[in-house]
Amino acid sequence: MGMAVDEESMQSELNRLRRAQGQLSGVIAMIEAGRDCKDVVTQLAAVSRALDRAGFKIVASGMPQCMAAADGTAPPMTEAELEKLFLALA
């Protein structure tokens, strides 16, 4: 089942993921340059938070579709399946 979210929400989350991708590239460069451990960990934590936020937002944006079979071809997700999806981000 595809993800049916509005275009503005999708673009916002794609931008968030691209920023996180840039941050991760920066962390890799910091490690390669032998930067201080504290600086690397601080930036890595920022990347992790950005990915977590994006993941939660993407799941939340797709929630109406997950809760009801939007296209009529697949059954809606069960409460247990929704819980598992959220916990995958924890």
Protein backbone atom coordinates (compact mmCIF):
# COMPACT_ATOMS: atom_id res chain seq x y z
CA MET A 1 0.00 0.00 0.00
CA GLY A 2 1.48 3.36 -1.03
CA MET A 3 1.75 6.38 1.20
CA ALA A 4 -0.96 8.92 0.41
CA VAL A 5 -0.03 12.18 2.10
CA ASP A 6 -0.55 15.71 0.91
CA GLU A 7 2.13 17.20 -1.33
CA GLU A 8 3.10 19.96 1.12
CA SER A 9 3.58 17.51 3.98
CA MET A 10 5.57 15.14 1.79
CA GLN A 11 7.85 17.94 0.55
CA SER A 12 8.43 19.15 4.10
CA GLU A 13 9.50 15.69 5.25
CA LEU A 14 11.69 15.15 2.19
CA ASN A 15 13.43 18.44 3.00
CA ARG A 16 13.87 17.33 6.62
CA LEU A 17 15.40 14.03 5.45
CA ARG A 18 17.72 15.82 3.02
CA ARG A 19 18.96 18.08 5.84
CA ALA A 20 19.56 15.02 8.00
CA GLN A 21 21.44 13.43 5.10
CA GLY A 22 23.65 16.52 4.92
CA GLN A 23 24.19 16.41 8.68
CA LEU A 24 25.20 12.76 8.47
CA SER A 25 27.69 13.56 5.71
CA GLY A 26 29.09 16.22 8.02
CA VAL A 27 29.48 13.69 10.84
CA ILE A 28 31.33 11.32 8.52
CA ALA A 29 33.63 14.16 7.46
CA MET A 30 34.23 15.06 11.12
CA ILE A 31 35.25 11.49 11.92
CA GLU A 32 37.52 11.32 8.88
CA ALA A 33 39.13 14.61 9.92
CA GLY A 34 39.75 13.29 13.43
CA ARG A 35 37.52 15.85 15.14
CA ASP A 36 36.93 15.81 18.87
CA CYS A 37 34.71 12.97 20.09
CA LYS A 38 32.36 15.37 21.90
CA ASP A 39 31.73 17.36 18.71
CA VAL A 40 31.11 14.19 16.69
CA VAL A 41 28.68 12.75 19.24
CA THR A 42 26.82 16.08 19.51
CA GLN A 43 26.31 16.20 15.75
CA LEU A 44 25.41 12.52 15.59
CA ALA A 45 22.74 13.09 18.25
CA ALA A 46 21.33 15.95 16.15
CA VAL A 47 21.12 13.65 13.12
CA SER A 48 19.41 10.99 15.18
CA ARG A 49 16.81 13.47 16.50
CA ALA A 50 16.15 14.78 12.98
CA LEU A 51 15.56 11.25 11.67
CA ASP A 52 13.32 10.39 14.62
CA ARG A 53 11.21 13.50 14.05
CA ALA A 54 10.93 12.79 10.34
CA GLY A 55 9.93 9.19 11.00
CA PHE A 56 7.23 10.14 13.48
CA LYS A 57 5.90 12.86 11.18
CA ILE A 58 5.78 10.48 8.21
CA VAL A 59 3.94 7.83 10.23
CA ALA A 60 1.55 10.43 11.66
CA SER A 61 0.88 11.90 8.21
CA GLY A 62 0.04 8.46 6.85
CA MET A 63 -2.08 7.48 9.87
CA PRO A 64 -5.49 8.11 8.25
CA GLN A 65 -4.48 5.86 5.37
CA CYS A 66 -3.20 3.19 7.74
CA MET A 67 -6.37 3.25 9.83
CA ALA A 68 -8.77 2.88 6.91
CA ALA A 69 -8.31 0.98 3.68
CA ALA A 70 -8.05 4.06 1.47
CA ASP A 71 -8.03 2.19 -1.83
CA GLY A 72 -10.37 -0.61 -0.74
CA THR A 73 -7.93 -3.34 -1.78
CA ALA A 74 -6.18 -3.87 1.55
CA PRO A 75 -7.59 -4.18 5.05
CA PRO A 76 -6.82 -1.39 7.51
CA MET A 77 -3.91 -1.90 9.87
CA THR A 78 -4.75 -3.42 13.23
CA GLU A 79 -3.98 -1.62 16.46
CA ALA A 80 -1.11 -4.08 17.02
CA GLU A 81 0.33 -3.32 13.56
CA LEU A 82 0.11 0.44 14.20
CA GLU A 83 1.81 0.01 17.57
CA LYS A 84 4.59 -2.06 15.97
CA LEU A 85 5.07 0.65 13.32
CA PHE A 86 5.49 3.37 15.97
CA LEU A 87 7.72 1.19 18.14
CA ALA A 88 10.01 0.57 15.17
CA LEU A 89 11.00 4.22 15.54
CA ALA A 90 11.72 3.97 19.27
